[in-house]
């Protein structure tokens, strides 16, 4: 039986690493998948290519997947949630002169904050963090930038800070470009972060595809949890054809400690209703789901497979 061909999109973020590891170590092939990995420069590229069938699956932001499935971002695109790949992993970085300022609302002036996409956990978490410090997200202004551009923008003074996934926060702090002031694990411990989604028609053509993806990715995430494997994994991931980031920084962030991405293993990879409800509730509070039935939003990504309705494909 021939392997199922699959085009998987991702960005150069640490929590996409299991996709590269699964390809390089043969885990996709062992699961019956002929997977090609496409590295994109932005979430907009990922979303557009999913929408127009140029990608079959992708490592995806939960809020963006919901926005696509509900038609809030371009035409409605049927997506199926296949896996919860990681939890935690984002960091908030401030310009050095703002770190520790008690009067943050006054100190930031007109400089905006940056997130990776308007429909992202980064946006939702940054809003919570700003609000807790007396800063109105609307007054502070939130713009979108690719994560690789945020450190430069911070250095130029065009943004007051940013929220991005690993290792961009750690890298900015290491380079002295900014001060890491919070991790998403501290703001919302254990929050769902990166998901793996499949286009509806692709999943419908192979009902076992989601399970095969979880098998392959689970083999990869299991390696990430082994301390003896991290240096070798980081060296491979550092390649320009992969994440193109410093190996020592990647190795440190692979630990899953201190707010770094925590990769799911085994049954943890299965999508769970509570995770999607977490995202929907925060999108609703942020005003992203005006006029949307929240139950419809939940059903737009999940397909129940268990009698108790607790797990999905």
C-alpha atoms as a PDB file:
ATOM      1  CA  UNK A   1       0.000   0.000   0.000  1.00  0.00           C
ATOM      2  CA  UNK A   2       1.437   3.379  -1.010  1.00  0.00           C
ATOM      3  CA  UNK A   3       2.067   6.079   1.589  1.00  0.00           C
ATOM      4  CA  UNK A   4      -0.450   8.916   1.900  1.00  0.00           C
ATOM      5  CA  UNK A   5       1.033  12.110   0.433  1.00  0.00           C
ATOM      6  CA  UNK A   6       0.760  15.124   2.699  1.00  0.00           C
ATOM      7  CA  UNK A   7       2.061  18.707   2.470  1.00  0.00           C
ATOM      8  CA  UNK A   8       2.574  20.159   5.958  1.00  0.00           C
ATOM      9  CA  UNK A   9       3.194  23.872   6.553  1.00  0.00           C
ATOM     10  CA  UNK A  10       5.072  25.387   9.494  1.00  0.00           C
ATOM     11  CA  UNK A  11       6.999  28.459  10.624  1.00  0.00           C
ATOM     12  CA  UNK A  12      10.538  28.613  12.001  1.00  0.00           C
ATOM     13  CA  UNK A  13       9.422  28.271  15.606  1.00  0.00           C
ATOM     14  CA  UNK A  14      10.638  25.795  18.170  1.00  0.00           C
ATOM     15  CA  UNK A  15       7.187  24.312  18.681  1.00  0.00           C
ATOM     16  CA  UNK A  16       7.200  23.262  15.012  1.00  0.00           C
ATOM     17  CA  UNK A  17      10.304  21.150  15.677  1.00  0.00           C
ATOM     18  CA  UNK A  18       8.461  17.797  15.999  1.00  0.00           C
ATOM     19  CA  UNK A  19       7.356  18.071  12.365  1.00  0.00           C
ATOM     20  CA  UNK A  20      10.968  18.329  11.172  1.00  0.00           C
ATOM     21  CA  UNK A  21      12.115  15.605  13.562  1.00  0.00           C
ATOM     22  CA  UNK A  22       9.325  13.270  12.408  1.00  0.00           C
ATOM     23  CA  UNK A  23      10.380  13.768   8.793  1.00  0.00           C
ATOM     24  CA  UNK A  24      14.122  13.488   9.364  1.00  0.00           C
ATOM     25  CA  UNK A  25      13.920  10.453  11.665  1.00  0.00           C
ATOM     26  CA  UNK A  26      11.492   8.562   9.406  1.00  0.00           C
ATOM     27  CA  UNK A  27       8.533   8.697  11.798  1.00  0.00           C
ATOM     28  CA  UNK A  28       6.159   9.962   9.109  1.00  0.00           C
ATOM     29  CA  UNK A  29       7.183   7.143   6.789  1.00  0.00           C
ATOM     30  CA  UNK A  30       6.743   4.590   9.576  1.00  0.00           C
ATOM     31  CA  UNK A  31       3.185   5.886  10.080  1.00  0.00           C
ATOM     32  CA  UNK A  32       2.384   5.445   6.387  1.00  0.00           C
ATOM     33  CA  UNK A  33       2.784   9.099   5.420  1.00  0.00           C
ATOM     34  CA  UNK A  34       4.784  10.566   2.552  1.00  0.00           C
ATOM     35  CA  UNK A  35       5.072  13.980   4.190  1.00  0.00           C
ATOM     36  CA  UNK A  36       6.770  16.994   2.667  1.00  0.00           C
ATOM     37  CA  UNK A  37       7.408  19.926   5.014  1.00  0.00           C
ATOM     38  CA  UNK A  38       6.990  23.486   3.730  1.00  0.00           C
ATOM     39  CA  UNK A  39       8.537  26.282   5.806  1.00  0.00           C
ATOM     40  CA  UNK A  40       6.607  29.541   5.399  1.00  0.00           C
ATOM     41  CA  UNK A  41       7.615  33.089   6.425  1.00  0.00           C
ATOM     42  CA  UNK A  42       4.352  34.079   8.128  1.00  0.00           C
ATOM     43  CA  UNK A  43       1.048  32.849   9.503  1.00  0.00           C
ATOM     44  CA  UNK A  44      -0.697  34.685   6.683  1.00  0.00           C
ATOM     45  CA  UNK A  45       1.130  32.453   4.204  1.00  0.00           C
ATOM     46  CA  UNK A  46       0.131  29.341   6.139  1.00  0.00           C
ATOM     47  CA  UNK A  47      -3.514  30.439   6.226  1.00  0.00           C
ATOM     48  CA  UNK A  48      -3.651  31.393   2.547  1.00  0.00           C
ATOM     49  CA  UNK A  49      -2.063  28.150   1.391  1.00  0.00           C
ATOM     50  CA  UNK A  50      -4.407  26.083   3.551  1.00  0.00           C
ATOM     51  CA  UNK A  51      -7.384  28.026   2.228  1.00  0.00           C
ATOM     52  CA  UNK A  52      -6.439  27.447  -1.411  1.00  0.00           C
ATOM     53  CA  UNK A  53      -5.371  23.828  -1.053  1.00  0.00           C
ATOM     54  CA  UNK A  54      -1.638  24.454  -1.483  1.00  0.00           C
ATOM     55  CA  UNK A  55      -1.092  22.837   1.920  1.00  0.00           C
ATOM     56  CA  UNK A  56      -2.896  19.781   3.282  1.00  0.00           C
ATOM     57  CA  UNK A  57      -2.054  20.302   6.941  1.00  0.00           C
ATOM     58  CA  UNK A  58      -0.166  22.754   9.129  1.00  0.00           C
ATOM     59  CA  UNK A  59       1.148  23.593  12.566  1.00  0.00           C
ATOM     60  CA  UNK A  60      -1.353  26.284  13.427  1.00  0.00           C
ATOM     61  CA  UNK A  61      -2.433  28.889  15.965  1.00  0.00           C
ATOM     62  CA  UNK A  62      -5.734  27.926  17.596  1.00  0.00           C
ATOM     63  CA  UNK A  63      -7.381  31.357  17.181  1.00  0.00           C
ATOM     64  CA  UNK A  64      -6.333  31.526  13.525  1.00  0.00           C
ATOM     65  CA  UNK A  65      -7.710  28.040  12.846  1.00  0.00           C
ATOM     66  CA  UNK A  66     -11.031  29.117  14.373  1.00  0.00           C
ATOM     67  CA  UNK A  67     -11.071  32.347  12.391  1.00  0.00           C
ATOM     68  CA  UNK A  68     -10.471  30.435   9.167  1.00  0.00           C
ATOM     69  CA  UNK A  69     -13.123  27.809   9.872  1.00  0.00           C
ATOM     70  CA  UNK A  70     -15.702  30.489  10.758  1.00  0.00           C
ATOM     71  CA  UNK A  71     -14.955  32.728   7.780  1.00  0.00           C
ATOM     72  CA  UNK A  72     -13.606  35.577   9.930  1.00  0.00           C
ATOM     73  CA  UNK A  73     -10.376  35.633   7.957  1.00  0.00           C
ATOM     74  CA  UNK A  74     -11.104  35.380   4.247  1.00  0.00           C
ATOM     75  CA  UNK A  75     -13.400  32.661   2.954  1.00  0.00           C
ATOM     76  CA  UNK A  76     -14.450  29.925   5.358  1.00  0.00           C
ATOM     77  CA  UNK A  77     -12.049  26.986   5.168  1.00  0.00           C
ATOM     78  CA  UNK A  78     -13.022  23.593   6.547  1.00  0.00           C
ATOM     79  CA  UNK A  79     -10.324  22.425   8.949  1.00  0.00           C
ATOM     80  CA  UNK A  80     -10.117  19.434  11.239  1.00  0.00           C
ATOM     81  CA  UNK A  81      -8.169  19.590  14.477  1.00  0.00           C
ATOM     82  CA  UNK A  82      -5.815  16.598  14.499  1.00  0.00           C
ATOM     83  CA  UNK A  83      -3.519  17.232  17.460  1.00  0.00           C
ATOM     84  CA  UNK A  84      -2.566  19.545  20.308  1.00  0.00           C
ATOM     85  CA  UNK A  85       1.156  19.730  19.680  1.00  0.00           C
ATOM     86  CA  UNK A  86       2.371  21.975  22.506  1.00  0.00           C
ATOM     87  CA  UNK A  87       1.437  24.001  25.558  1.00  0.00           C
ATOM     88  CA  UNK A  88       2.982  27.195  26.946  1.00  0.00           C
ATOM     89  CA  UNK A  89       6.034  28.537  25.093  1.00  0.00           C
ATOM     90  CA  UNK A  90       5.325  32.233  24.493  1.00  0.00           C
ATOM     91  CA  UNK A  91       7.147  35.144  26.091  1.00  0.00           C
ATOM     92  CA  UNK A  92       6.490  38.849  26.551  1.00  0.00           C
ATOM     93  CA  UNK A  93       9.503  41.080  25.987  1.00  0.00           C
ATOM     94  CA  UNK A  94       9.691  44.803  26.766  1.00  0.00           C
ATOM     95  CA  UNK A  95      12.140  47.405  25.582  1.00  0.00           C
ATOM     96  CA  UNK A  96      14.837  47.624  28.254  1.00  0.00           C
ATOM     97  CA  UNK A  97      13.920  51.154  29.312  1.00  0.00           C
ATOM     98  CA  UNK A  98      10.347  50.042  30.058  1.00  0.00           C
ATOM     99  CA  UNK A  99      11.156  46.977  32.135  1.00  0.00           C
ATOM    100  CA  UNK A 100      10.325  47.548  35.772  1.00  0.00           C
ATOM    101  CA  UNK A 101       8.432  50.776  35.152  1.00  0.00           C
ATOM    102  CA  UNK A 102       5.490  51.013  37.540  1.00  0.00           C
ATOM    103  CA  UNK A 103       3.795  53.570  35.271  1.00  0.00           C
ATOM    104  CA  UNK A 104       3.855  51.381  32.170  1.00  0.00           C
ATOM    105  CA  UNK A 105       0.698  52.908  30.721  1.00  0.00           C
ATOM    106  CA  UNK A 106       2.311  56.360  30.666  1.00  0.00           C
ATOM    107  CA  UNK A 107       5.803  55.139  29.785  1.00  0.00           C
ATOM    108  CA  UNK A 108       4.972  53.351  26.542  1.00  0.00           C
ATOM    109  CA  UNK A 109       3.641  56.502  24.879  1.00  0.00           C
ATOM    110  CA  UNK A 110       2.470  55.861  21.327  1.00  0.00           C
ATOM    111  CA  UNK A 111       4.721  52.866  20.666  1.00  0.00           C
ATOM    112  CA  UNK A 112       2.692  49.740  19.861  1.00  0.00           C
ATOM    113  CA  UNK A 113       3.206  46.141  20.915  1.00  0.00           C
ATOM    114  CA  UNK A 114       3.712  43.398  18.347  1.00  0.00           C
ATOM    115  CA  UNK A 115       2.204  39.934  18.083  1.00  0.00           C
ATOM    116  CA  UNK A 116       2.559  37.305  15.387  1.00  0.00           C
ATOM    117  CA  UNK A 117      -1.030  37.533  14.143  1.00  0.00           C
ATOM    118  CA  UNK A 118      -4.265  39.274  15.094  1.00  0.00           C
ATOM    119  CA  UNK A 119      -5.841  35.842  15.612  1.00  0.00           C
ATOM    120  CA  UNK A 120      -3.268  34.312  17.940  1.00  0.00           C
ATOM    121  CA  UNK A 121      -2.766  33.174  21.520  1.00  0.00           C
ATOM    122  CA  UNK A 122      -0.018  35.790  21.647  1.00  0.00           C
ATOM    123  CA  UNK A 123      -2.594  38.536  21.129  1.00  0.00           C
ATOM    124  CA  UNK A 124      -4.969  37.081  23.736  1.00  0.00           C
ATOM    125  CA  UNK A 125      -2.227  36.559  26.333  1.00  0.00           C
ATOM    126  CA  UNK A 126      -0.693  39.990  25.742  1.00  0.00           C
ATOM    127  CA  UNK A 127      -4.118  41.588  26.253  1.00  0.00           C
ATOM    128  CA  UNK A 128      -4.469  39.811  29.603  1.00  0.00           C
ATOM    129  CA  UNK A 129      -0.968  40.871  30.664  1.00  0.00           C
ATOM    130  CA  UNK A 130      -1.455  44.519  29.660  1.00  0.00           C
ATOM    131  CA  UNK A 131      -4.870  44.753  31.306  1.00  0.00           C
ATOM    132  CA  UNK A 132      -3.462  43.390  34.580  1.00  0.00           C
ATOM    133  CA  UNK A 133      -0.979  46.285  34.531  1.00  0.00           C
ATOM    134  CA  UNK A 134      -3.528  48.995  33.920  1.00  0.00           C
ATOM    135  CA  UNK A 135      -2.783  49.307  30.210  1.00  0.00           C
ATOM    136  CA  UNK A 136      -5.734  49.235  27.837  1.00  0.00           C
ATOM    137  CA  UNK A 137      -4.855  46.983  24.862  1.00  0.00           C
ATOM    138  CA  UNK A 138      -6.738  49.398  22.618  1.00  0.00           C
ATOM    139  CA  UNK A 139      -4.744  52.367  23.896  1.00  0.00           C
ATOM    140  CA  UNK A 140      -1.421  50.538  23.681  1.00  0.00           C
ATOM    141  CA  UNK A 141      -2.180  49.384  20.131  1.00  0.00           C
ATOM    142  CA  UNK A 142      -1.222  45.918  18.932  1.00  0.00           C
ATOM    143  CA  UNK A 143       0.333  45.347  15.512  1.00  0.00           C
ATOM    144  CA  UNK A 144       1.403  42.169  13.716  1.00  0.00           C
ATOM    145  CA  UNK A 145       4.953  41.257  12.724  1.00  0.00           C
ATOM    146  CA  UNK A 146       6.704  38.003  11.791  1.00  0.00           C
ATOM    147  CA  UNK A 147       8.531  36.754  14.907  1.00  0.00           C
ATOM    148  CA  UNK A 148      11.911  37.033  13.187  1.00  0.00           C
ATOM    149  CA  UNK A 149      11.389  40.790  12.691  1.00  0.00           C
ATOM    150  CA  UNK A 150      10.392  41.644  16.251  1.00  0.00           C
ATOM    151  CA  UNK A 151      13.845  41.976  17.782  1.00  0.00           C
ATOM    152  CA  UNK A 152      14.925  44.411  15.062  1.00  0.00           C
ATOM    153  CA  UNK A 153      11.760  46.469  15.526  1.00  0.00           C
ATOM    154  CA  UNK A 154      12.352  46.542  19.278  1.00  0.00           C
ATOM    155  CA  UNK A 155      15.930  47.695  18.771  1.00  0.00           C
ATOM    156  CA  UNK A 156      14.779  50.507  16.485  1.00  0.00           C
ATOM    157  CA  UNK A 157      12.227  51.671  19.038  1.00  0.00           C
ATOM    158  CA  UNK A 158       9.293  51.184  16.667  1.00  0.00           C
ATOM    159  CA  UNK A 159       7.588  48.850  19.148  1.00  0.00           C
ATOM    160  CA  UNK A 160       7.443  48.936  22.949  1.00  0.00           C
ATOM    161  CA  UNK A 161       7.520  45.173  23.245  1.00  0.00           C
ATOM    162  CA  UNK A 162       6.242  41.942  21.774  1.00  0.00           C
ATOM    163  CA  UNK A 163       4.773  38.539  22.503  1.00  0.00           C
ATOM    164  CA  UNK A 164       6.212  35.663  20.479  1.00  0.00           C
ATOM    165  CA  UNK A 165       6.943  31.957  20.680  1.00  0.00           C
ATOM    166  CA  UNK A 166      10.242  30.333  21.583  1.00  0.00           C
ATOM    167  CA  UNK A 167      13.037  30.972  21.104  1.00  0.00           C
ATOM    168  CA  UNK A 168      12.457  34.589  20.066  1.00  0.00           C
ATOM    169  CA  UNK A 169      11.922  35.945  23.572  1.00  0.00           C
ATOM    170  CA  UNK A 170      14.987  34.173  24.937  1.00  0.00           C
ATOM    171  CA  UNK A 171      17.013  35.334  21.953  1.00  0.00           C
ATOM    172  CA  UNK A 172      16.062  38.995  22.429  1.00  0.00           C
ATOM    173  CA  UNK A 173      16.974  38.776  26.116  1.00  0.00           C
ATOM    174  CA  UNK A 174      20.266  36.990  25.368  1.00  0.00           C
ATOM    175  CA  UNK A 175      21.213  39.635  22.791  1.00  0.00           C
ATOM    176  CA  UNK A 176      20.319  42.478  25.169  1.00  0.00           C
ATOM    177  CA  UNK A 177      17.663  43.817  22.795  1.00  0.00           C
ATOM    178  CA  UNK A 178      14.929  43.631  25.410  1.00  0.00           C
ATOM    179  CA  UNK A 179      13.886  42.275  28.791  1.00  0.00           C
ATOM    180  CA  UNK A 180      11.822  39.113  29.081  1.00  0.00           C
ATOM    181  CA  UNK A 181       9.179  40.073  31.642  1.00  0.00           C
ATOM    182  CA  UNK A 182       6.669  37.197  31.501  1.00  0.00           C
ATOM    183  CA  UNK A 183       6.087  33.784  30.026  1.00  0.00           C
ATOM    184  CA  UNK A 184       2.704  32.548  28.887  1.00  0.00           C
ATOM    185  CA  UNK A 185       3.102  29.647  31.337  1.00  0.00           C
ATOM    186  CA  UNK A 186       2.970  32.229  34.135  1.00  0.00           C
ATOM    187  CA  UNK A 187       0.000  34.085  32.616  1.00  0.00           C
ATOM    188  CA  UNK A 188      -2.085  30.989  31.797  1.00  0.00           C
ATOM    189  CA  UNK A 189      -0.312  27.823  32.965  1.00  0.00           C
ATOM    190  CA  UNK A 190      -0.721  24.869  30.615  1.00  0.00           C
ATOM    191  CA  UNK A 191      -2.590  26.801  27.944  1.00  0.00           C
ATOM    192  CA  UNK A 192      -2.941  25.106  24.537  1.00  0.00           C
ATOM    193  CA  UNK A 193      -0.466  26.595  22.085  1.00  0.00           C
ATOM    194  CA  UNK A 194       0.302  25.048  18.687  1.00  0.00           C
ATOM    195  CA  UNK A 195      -2.219  22.750  17.034  1.00  0.00           C
ATOM    196  CA  UNK A 196      -1.999  20.545  13.970  1.00  0.00           C
ATOM    197  CA  UNK A 197      -4.904  20.957  11.560  1.00  0.00           C
ATOM    198  CA  UNK A 198      -5.853  19.140   8.358  1.00  0.00           C
ATOM    199  CA  UNK A 199      -8.045  20.390   5.530  1.00  0.00           C
ATOM    200  CA  UNK A 200     -11.472  18.784   5.845  1.00  0.00           C
ATOM    201  CA  UNK A 201     -11.492  17.107   2.441  1.00  0.00           C
ATOM    202  CA  UNK A 202      -8.009  15.680   2.988  1.00  0.00           C
ATOM    203  CA  UNK A 203      -9.016  14.220   6.355  1.00  0.00           C
ATOM    204  CA  UNK A 204     -12.262  12.866   4.900  1.00  0.00           C
ATOM    205  CA  UNK A 205     -10.329  11.049   2.160  1.00  0.00           C
ATOM    206  CA  UNK A 206      -8.331   9.154   4.802  1.00  0.00           C
ATOM    207  CA  UNK A 207     -10.133   8.709   8.146  1.00  0.00           C
ATOM    208  CA  UNK A 208      -6.956   7.328   9.737  1.00  0.00           C
ATOM    209  CA  UNK A 209      -4.838  10.337   8.808  1.00  0.00           C
ATOM    210  CA  UNK A 210      -5.184  12.219  12.108  1.00  0.00           C
ATOM    211  CA  UNK A 211      -4.192   9.139  14.099  1.00  0.00           C
ATOM    212  CA  UNK A 212      -1.211   8.513  11.804  1.00  0.00           C
ATOM    213  CA  UNK A 213      -0.055  12.107  12.270  1.00  0.00           C
ATOM    214  CA  UNK A 214      -0.296  11.761  16.045  1.00  0.00           C
ATOM    215  CA  UNK A 215       1.714   8.532  15.941  1.00  0.00           C
ATOM    216  CA  UNK A 216       4.511  10.186  13.967  1.00  0.00           C
ATOM    217  CA  UNK A 217       4.541  13.409  15.962  1.00  0.00           C
ATOM    218  CA  UNK A 218       4.333  11.499  19.240  1.00  0.00           C
ATOM    219  CA  UNK A 219       7.495   9.596  18.345  1.00  0.00           C
ATOM    220  CA  UNK A 220       9.193  12.951  17.699  1.00  0.00           C
ATOM    221  CA  UNK A 221       7.964  14.658  20.870  1.00  0.00           C
ATOM    222  CA  UNK A 222       9.071  11.652  22.936  1.00  0.00           C
ATOM    223  CA  UNK A 223      12.638  12.319  21.753  1.00  0.00           C
ATOM    224  CA  UNK A 224      12.348  15.977  22.752  1.00  0.00           C
ATOM    225  CA  UNK A 225      11.652  14.875  26.327  1.00  0.00           C
ATOM    226  CA  UNK A 226      14.908  12.893  26.558  1.00  0.00           C
ATOM    227  CA  UNK A 227      17.752  15.064  27.908  1.00  0.00           C
ATOM    228  CA  UNK A 228      20.355  12.900  26.151  1.00  0.00           C
ATOM    229  CA  UNK A 229      18.752  13.661  22.771  1.00  0.00           C
ATOM    230  CA  UNK A 230      18.480  17.432  23.038  1.00  0.00           C
ATOM    231  CA  UNK A 231      21.964  18.453  21.873  1.00  0.00           C
ATOM    232  CA  UNK A 232      21.711  16.265  18.769  1.00  0.00           C
ATOM    233  CA  UNK A 233      18.178  17.403  17.983  1.00  0.00           C
ATOM    234  CA  UNK A 234      19.152  21.050  18.434  1.00  0.00           C
ATOM    235  CA  UNK A 235      22.160  20.672  16.135  1.00  0.00           C
ATOM    236  CA  UNK A 236      19.947  19.321  13.381  1.00  0.00           C
ATOM    237  CA  UNK A 237      17.214  21.887  13.924  1.00  0.00           C
ATOM    238  CA  UNK A 238      19.747  24.748  13.807  1.00  0.00           C
ATOM    239  CA  UNK A 239      20.465  24.061  10.131  1.00  0.00           C
ATOM    240  CA  UNK A 240      19.566  26.866   7.674  1.00  0.00           C
ATOM    241  CA  UNK A 241      17.217  24.419   5.962  1.00  0.00           C
ATOM    242  CA  UNK A 242      15.407  23.827   9.262  1.00  0.00           C
ATOM    243  CA  UNK A 243      14.844  26.442  11.998  1.00  0.00           C
ATOM    244  CA  UNK A 244      18.038  28.403  11.228  1.00  0.00           C
ATOM    245  CA  UNK A 245      18.519  29.406  14.866  1.00  0.00           C
ATOM    246  CA  UNK A 246      21.431  28.979  17.316  1.00  0.00           C
ATOM    247  CA  UNK A 247      21.775  25.343  18.410  1.00  0.00           C
ATOM    248  CA  UNK A 248      22.615  26.178  22.030  1.00  0.00           C
ATOM    249  CA  UNK A 249      19.491  28.335  22.323  1.00  0.00           C
ATOM    250  CA  UNK A 250      17.315  25.604  20.823  1.00  0.00           C
ATOM    251  CA  UNK A 251      18.786  22.993  23.169  1.00  0.00           C
ATOM    252  CA  UNK A 252      17.991  25.148  26.196  1.00  0.00           C
ATOM    253  CA  UNK A 253      14.412  25.756  25.025  1.00  0.00           C
ATOM    254  CA  UNK A 254      13.752  22.068  24.271  1.00  0.00           C
ATOM    255  CA  UNK A 255      13.641  21.318  27.993  1.00  0.00           C
ATOM    256  CA  UNK A 256      10.038  22.483  28.321  1.00  0.00           C
ATOM    257  CA  UNK A 257      11.032  24.192  31.559  1.00  0.00           C
ATOM    258  CA  UNK A 258      10.713  27.815  32.620  1.00  0.00           C
ATOM    259  CA  UNK A 259       7.802  28.463  30.285  1.00  0.00           C
ATOM    260  CA  UNK A 260       9.372  26.970  27.145  1.00  0.00           C
ATOM    261  CA  UNK A 261       7.157  24.894  24.823  1.00  0.00           C
ATOM    262  CA  UNK A 262       5.944  21.714  26.461  1.00  0.00           C
ATOM    263  CA  UNK A 263       5.418  19.069  23.785  1.00  0.00           C
ATOM    264  CA  UNK A 264       2.546  16.643  24.146  1.00  0.00           C
ATOM    265  CA  UNK A 265       3.141  12.884  24.093  1.00  0.00           C
ATOM    266  CA  UNK A 266       0.971   9.856  23.419  1.00  0.00           C
ATOM    267  CA  UNK A 267      -2.676  10.392  24.335  1.00  0.00           C
ATOM    268  CA  UNK A 268      -1.893  14.028  25.270  1.00  0.00           C
ATOM    269  CA  UNK A 269      -1.745  14.802  21.553  1.00  0.00           C
ATOM    270  CA  UNK A 270      -5.460  14.090  21.158  1.00  0.00           C
ATOM    271  CA  UNK A 271      -7.555  17.249  20.753  1.00  0.00           C
ATOM    272  CA  UNK A 272      -9.662  18.070  23.807  1.00  0.00           C
ATOM    273  CA  UNK A 273     -12.826  20.133  24.033  1.00  0.00           C
ATOM    274  CA  UNK A 274     -11.540  22.069  27.066  1.00  0.00           C
ATOM    275  CA  UNK A 275      -8.576  23.411  25.098  1.00  0.00           C
ATOM    276  CA  UNK A 276     -10.753  24.762  22.316  1.00  0.00           C
ATOM    277  CA  UNK A 277     -13.166  26.228  24.856  1.00  0.00           C
ATOM    278  CA  UNK A 278     -10.224  28.057  26.474  1.00  0.00           C
ATOM    279  CA  UNK A 279      -9.429  29.696  23.140  1.00  0.00           C
ATOM    280  CA  UNK A 280     -13.047  30.470  22.264  1.00  0.00           C
ATOM    281  CA  UNK A 281     -13.700  32.124  25.641  1.00  0.00           C
ATOM    282  CA  UNK A 282     -10.709  34.435  25.263  1.00  0.00           C
ATOM    283  CA  UNK A 283     -11.489  35.268  21.640  1.00  0.00           C
ATOM    284  CA  UNK A 284     -15.019  36.148  22.729  1.00  0.00           C
ATOM    285  CA  UNK A 285     -13.706  38.457  25.472  1.00  0.00           C
ATOM    286  CA  UNK A 286     -11.370  40.121  22.964  1.00  0.00           C
ATOM    287  CA  UNK A 287     -14.332  40.887  20.671  1.00  0.00           C
ATOM    288  CA  UNK A 288     -13.267  38.514  17.892  1.00  0.00           C
ATOM    289  CA  UNK A 289     -16.463  36.433  17.928  1.00  0.00           C
ATOM    290  CA  UNK A 290     -19.196  39.071  17.864  1.00  0.00           C
ATOM    291  CA  UNK A 291     -22.379  37.523  16.552  1.00  0.00           C
ATOM    292  CA  UNK A 292     -20.896  33.993  16.491  1.00  0.00           C
ATOM    293  CA  UNK A 293     -22.650  31.148  18.293  1.00  0.00           C
ATOM    294  CA  UNK A 294     -19.921  29.774  20.572  1.00  0.00           C
ATOM    295  CA  UNK A 295     -21.236  26.213  20.233  1.00  0.00           C
ATOM    296  CA  UNK A 296     -20.962  26.549  16.448  1.00  0.00           C
ATOM    297  CA  UNK A 297     -17.412  27.816  16.860  1.00  0.00           C
ATOM    298  CA  UNK A 298     -16.528  24.735  18.887  1.00  0.00           C
ATOM    299  CA  UNK A 299     -18.064  22.336  16.365  1.00  0.00           C
ATOM    300  CA  UNK A 300     -16.253  24.014  13.487  1.00  0.00           C
ATOM    301  CA  UNK A 301     -12.968  22.264  14.335  1.00  0.00           C
ATOM    302  CA  UNK A 302     -13.879  19.183  16.372  1.00  0.00           C
ATOM    303  CA  UNK A 303     -15.338  15.847  15.334  1.00  0.00           C
ATOM    304  CA  UNK A 304     -16.363  13.624  18.300  1.00  0.00           C
ATOM    305  CA  UNK A 305     -15.028  10.073  18.260  1.00  0.00           C
ATOM    306  CA  UNK A 306     -15.618   8.916  21.841  1.00  0.00           C
ATOM    307  CA  UNK A 307     -18.965   8.093  23.441  1.00  0.00           C
ATOM    308  CA  UNK A 308     -18.256  10.527  26.248  1.00  0.00           C
ATOM    309  CA  UNK A 309     -17.414  13.284  23.775  1.00  0.00           C
ATOM    310  CA  UNK A 310     -14.126  13.979  25.516  1.00  0.00           C
ATOM    311  CA  UNK A 311     -11.752  13.206  22.648  1.00  0.00           C
ATOM    312  CA  UNK A 312     -11.916  14.138  19.022  1.00  0.00           C
ATOM    313  CA  UNK A 313     -10.505  13.636  15.545  1.00  0.00           C
END
